Amino acid sequence: MKKVIVLVLIVMFAVAGTALAVGPGKSLDFDGKGAGKVVFSGDAHKALKCGECHPALFKMKKGSTVMTMKDMEAGKACGACHNGTKAFGVKDAAACAKCHKK
């Protein structure tokens, strides 16, 4: 499996001027470029407030945040929390299936 997987994470997007959050019961799917579909689950992140990730880690504009697994392993984007301490680490091979769905 390639280590560098480009992910476009869109956690909020604007529709007719209204921001729609990916809250509990909702999810966003992304192309994991050969490693299976990547799913951002609102249920799994429901304890977080939007401002904990936006706009510092993820831009607010749809499609504007692009990253690689290498970025995340360096503590950027998802890797800021998924570091093996706060949440399961992006380097943990046993945890791949938590985000990458075949």
C-alpha atoms as a PDB file:
ATOM      1  CA  MET A   1       0.000   0.000   0.000  1.00  0.00           C
ATOM      2  CA  LYS A   2       1.355   3.398  -0.885  1.00  0.00           C
ATOM      3  CA  LYS A   3       2.276   5.539   2.099  1.00  0.00           C
ATOM      4  CA  VAL A   4       1.381   8.759   0.339  1.00  0.00           C
ATOM      5  CA  ILE A   5      -2.346   8.984  -0.076  1.00  0.00           C
ATOM      6  CA  VAL A   6      -3.903  12.240  -1.078  1.00  0.00           C
ATOM      7  CA  LEU A   7      -6.992  13.017   0.947  1.00  0.00           C
ATOM      8  CA  VAL A   8      -9.308  15.919   0.548  1.00  0.00           C
ATOM      9  CA  LEU A   9     -11.103  16.474   3.830  1.00  0.00           C
ATOM     10  CA  ILE A  10     -14.190  18.583   3.726  1.00  0.00           C
ATOM     11  CA  VAL A  11     -15.690  18.924   7.152  1.00  0.00           C
ATOM     12  CA  MET A  12     -18.012  21.849   6.486  1.00  0.00           C
ATOM     13  CA  PHE A  13     -19.350  23.156   3.217  1.00  0.00           C
ATOM     14  CA  ALA A  14     -21.563  26.038   2.166  1.00  0.00           C
ATOM     15  CA  VAL A  15     -24.908  25.522   0.468  1.00  0.00           C
ATOM     16  CA  ALA A  16     -26.886  28.664  -0.356  1.00  0.00           C
ATOM     17  CA  GLY A  17     -24.866  30.574   2.230  1.00  0.00           C
ATOM     18  CA  THR A  18     -25.548  28.131   5.081  1.00  0.00           C
ATOM     19  CA  ALA A  19     -22.741  26.091   6.628  1.00  0.00           C
ATOM     20  CA  LEU A  20     -23.638  22.439   7.148  1.00  0.00           C
ATOM     21  CA  ALA A  21     -21.580  20.576   9.738  1.00  0.00           C
ATOM     22  CA  VAL A  22     -20.749  16.887   9.589  1.00  0.00           C
ATOM     23  CA  GLY A  23     -22.300  16.092  12.928  1.00  0.00           C
ATOM     24  CA  PRO A  24     -23.516  12.885  14.536  1.00  0.00           C
ATOM     25  CA  GLY A  25     -25.304  10.612  12.107  1.00  0.00           C
ATOM     26  CA  LYS A  26     -23.469  12.121   9.097  1.00  0.00           C
ATOM     27  CA  SER A  27     -20.235  11.215   7.366  1.00  0.00           C
ATOM     28  CA  LEU A  28     -18.110  12.316   4.426  1.00  0.00           C
ATOM     29  CA  ASP A  29     -16.422   9.875   2.048  1.00  0.00           C
ATOM     30  CA  PHE A  30     -13.164  10.541   0.191  1.00  0.00           C
ATOM     31  CA  ASP A  31     -11.057   8.689  -2.357  1.00  0.00           C
ATOM     32  CA  GLY A  32      -8.137   7.063  -0.516  1.00  0.00           C
ATOM     33  CA  LYS A  33      -6.198   6.619  -3.785  1.00  0.00           C
ATOM     34  CA  GLY A  34      -5.870   2.846  -3.735  1.00  0.00           C
ATOM     35  CA  ALA A  35      -6.164   2.357   0.026  1.00  0.00           C
ATOM     36  CA  GLY A  36      -9.948   2.297  -0.038  1.00  0.00           C
ATOM     37  CA  LYS A  37     -12.553   4.939   0.596  1.00  0.00           C
ATOM     38  CA  VAL A  38     -11.735   7.237   3.534  1.00  0.00           C
ATOM     39  CA  VAL A  39     -14.656   8.037   5.815  1.00  0.00           C
ATOM     40  CA  PHE A  40     -14.846  10.995   8.190  1.00  0.00           C
ATOM     41  CA  SER A  41     -17.491  10.040  10.739  1.00  0.00           C
ATOM     42  CA  GLY A  42     -19.482  12.730  12.508  1.00  0.00           C
ATOM     43  CA  ASP A  43     -20.422  10.142  15.143  1.00  0.00           C
ATOM     44  CA  ALA A  44     -16.788   9.376  15.935  1.00  0.00           C
ATOM     45  CA  HIS A  45     -15.980  13.080  16.297  1.00  0.00           C
ATOM     46  CA  LYS A  46     -19.177  14.268  18.036  1.00  0.00           C
ATOM     47  CA  ALA A  47     -17.359  15.230  21.258  1.00  0.00           C
ATOM     48  CA  LEU A  48     -15.369  17.877  19.358  1.00  0.00           C
ATOM     49  CA  LYS A  49     -16.418  21.432  18.668  1.00  0.00           C
ATOM     50  CA  CYS A  50     -15.999  22.728  15.109  1.00  0.00           C
ATOM     51  CA  GLY A  51     -13.489  25.380  16.236  1.00  0.00           C
ATOM     52  CA  GLU A  52     -11.101  22.717  17.520  1.00  0.00           C
ATOM     53  CA  CYS A  53     -10.236  21.810  13.915  1.00  0.00           C
ATOM     54  CA  HIS A  54     -11.492  24.751  11.831  1.00  0.00           C
ATOM     55  CA  PRO A  55      -9.878  26.807  10.455  1.00  0.00           C
ATOM     56  CA  ALA A  56      -6.502  25.978  12.042  1.00  0.00           C
ATOM     57  CA  LEU A  57      -6.230  22.363  10.807  1.00  0.00           C
ATOM     58  CA  PHE A  58      -8.804  22.297   8.026  1.00  0.00           C
ATOM     59  CA  LYS A  59      -9.847  25.199   5.826  1.00  0.00           C
ATOM     60  CA  MET A  60     -13.501  26.101   5.654  1.00  0.00           C
ATOM     61  CA  LYS A  61     -13.812  26.147   1.852  1.00  0.00           C
ATOM     62  CA  LYS A  62     -14.971  22.920   0.217  1.00  0.00           C
ATOM     63  CA  GLY A  63     -12.064  21.065  -1.377  1.00  0.00           C
ATOM     64  CA  SER A  64      -9.389  23.430  -0.085  1.00  0.00           C
ATOM     65  CA  THR A  65      -7.663  21.093   2.404  1.00  0.00           C
ATOM     66  CA  VAL A  66      -5.394  18.569   0.700  1.00  0.00           C
ATOM     67  CA  MET A  67      -2.942  16.386   2.599  1.00  0.00           C
ATOM     68  CA  THR A  68      -0.917  13.203   2.408  1.00  0.00           C
ATOM     69  CA  MET A  69      -0.287  10.431   4.909  1.00  0.00           C
ATOM     70  CA  LYS A  70       3.216  11.906   5.242  1.00  0.00           C
ATOM     71  CA  ASP A  71       1.638  15.229   6.327  1.00  0.00           C
ATOM     72  CA  MET A  72      -0.504  13.454   8.901  1.00  0.00           C
ATOM     73  CA  GLU A  73       2.466  11.441  10.186  1.00  0.00           C
ATOM     74  CA  ALA A  74       4.208  14.811  10.737  1.00  0.00           C
ATOM     75  CA  GLY A  75       1.333  15.936  12.979  1.00  0.00           C
ATOM     76  CA  LYS A  76      -0.546  17.998  10.420  1.00  0.00           C
ATOM     77  CA  ALA A  77      -4.298  17.825   9.696  1.00  0.00           C
ATOM     78  CA  CYS A  78      -5.758  14.578  11.150  1.00  0.00           C
ATOM     79  CA  GLY A  79      -2.336  13.767  12.600  1.00  0.00           C
ATOM     80  CA  ALA A  80      -2.633  16.677  15.043  1.00  0.00           C
ATOM     81  CA  CYS A  81      -4.957  14.507  17.156  1.00  0.00           C
ATOM     82  CA  HIS A  82      -4.395  11.065  15.639  1.00  0.00           C
ATOM     83  CA  ASN A  83      -0.901  10.894  17.083  1.00  0.00           C
ATOM     84  CA  GLY A  84      -1.210   7.763  19.221  1.00  0.00           C
ATOM     85  CA  THR A  85      -1.733   9.815  22.383  1.00  0.00           C
ATOM     86  CA  LYS A  86      -4.914  11.847  22.002  1.00  0.00           C
ATOM     87  CA  ALA A  87      -6.443   9.391  19.501  1.00  0.00           C
ATOM     88  CA  PHE A  88      -5.218   6.322  17.609  1.00  0.00           C
ATOM     89  CA  GLY A  89      -2.167   7.172  15.535  1.00  0.00           C
ATOM     90  CA  VAL A  90      -2.061   7.516  11.765  1.00  0.00           C
ATOM     91  CA  LYS A  91       1.106   5.374  11.854  1.00  0.00           C
ATOM     92  CA  ASP A  92      -0.727   2.494  13.572  1.00  0.00           C
ATOM     93  CA  ALA A  93      -1.195  -0.123  10.832  1.00  0.00           C
ATOM     94  CA  ALA A  94      -3.826  -1.916  12.939  1.00  0.00           C
ATOM     95  CA  ALA A  95      -5.967   1.247  12.875  1.00  0.00           C
ATOM     96  CA  CYS A  96      -5.995   1.805   9.079  1.00  0.00           C
ATOM     97  CA  ALA A  97      -9.462   0.260   8.700  1.00  0.00           C
ATOM     98  CA  LYS A  98     -10.918   2.805  11.124  1.00  0.00           C
ATOM     99  CA  CYS A  99     -10.707   5.415   8.345  1.00  0.00           C
ATOM    100  CA  HIS A 100      -9.955   3.435   5.165  1.00  0.00           C
ATOM    101  CA  LYS A 101     -12.940   1.340   4.070  1.00  0.00           C
ATOM    102  CA  LYS A 102     -12.615  -1.167   1.233  1.00  0.00           C
END
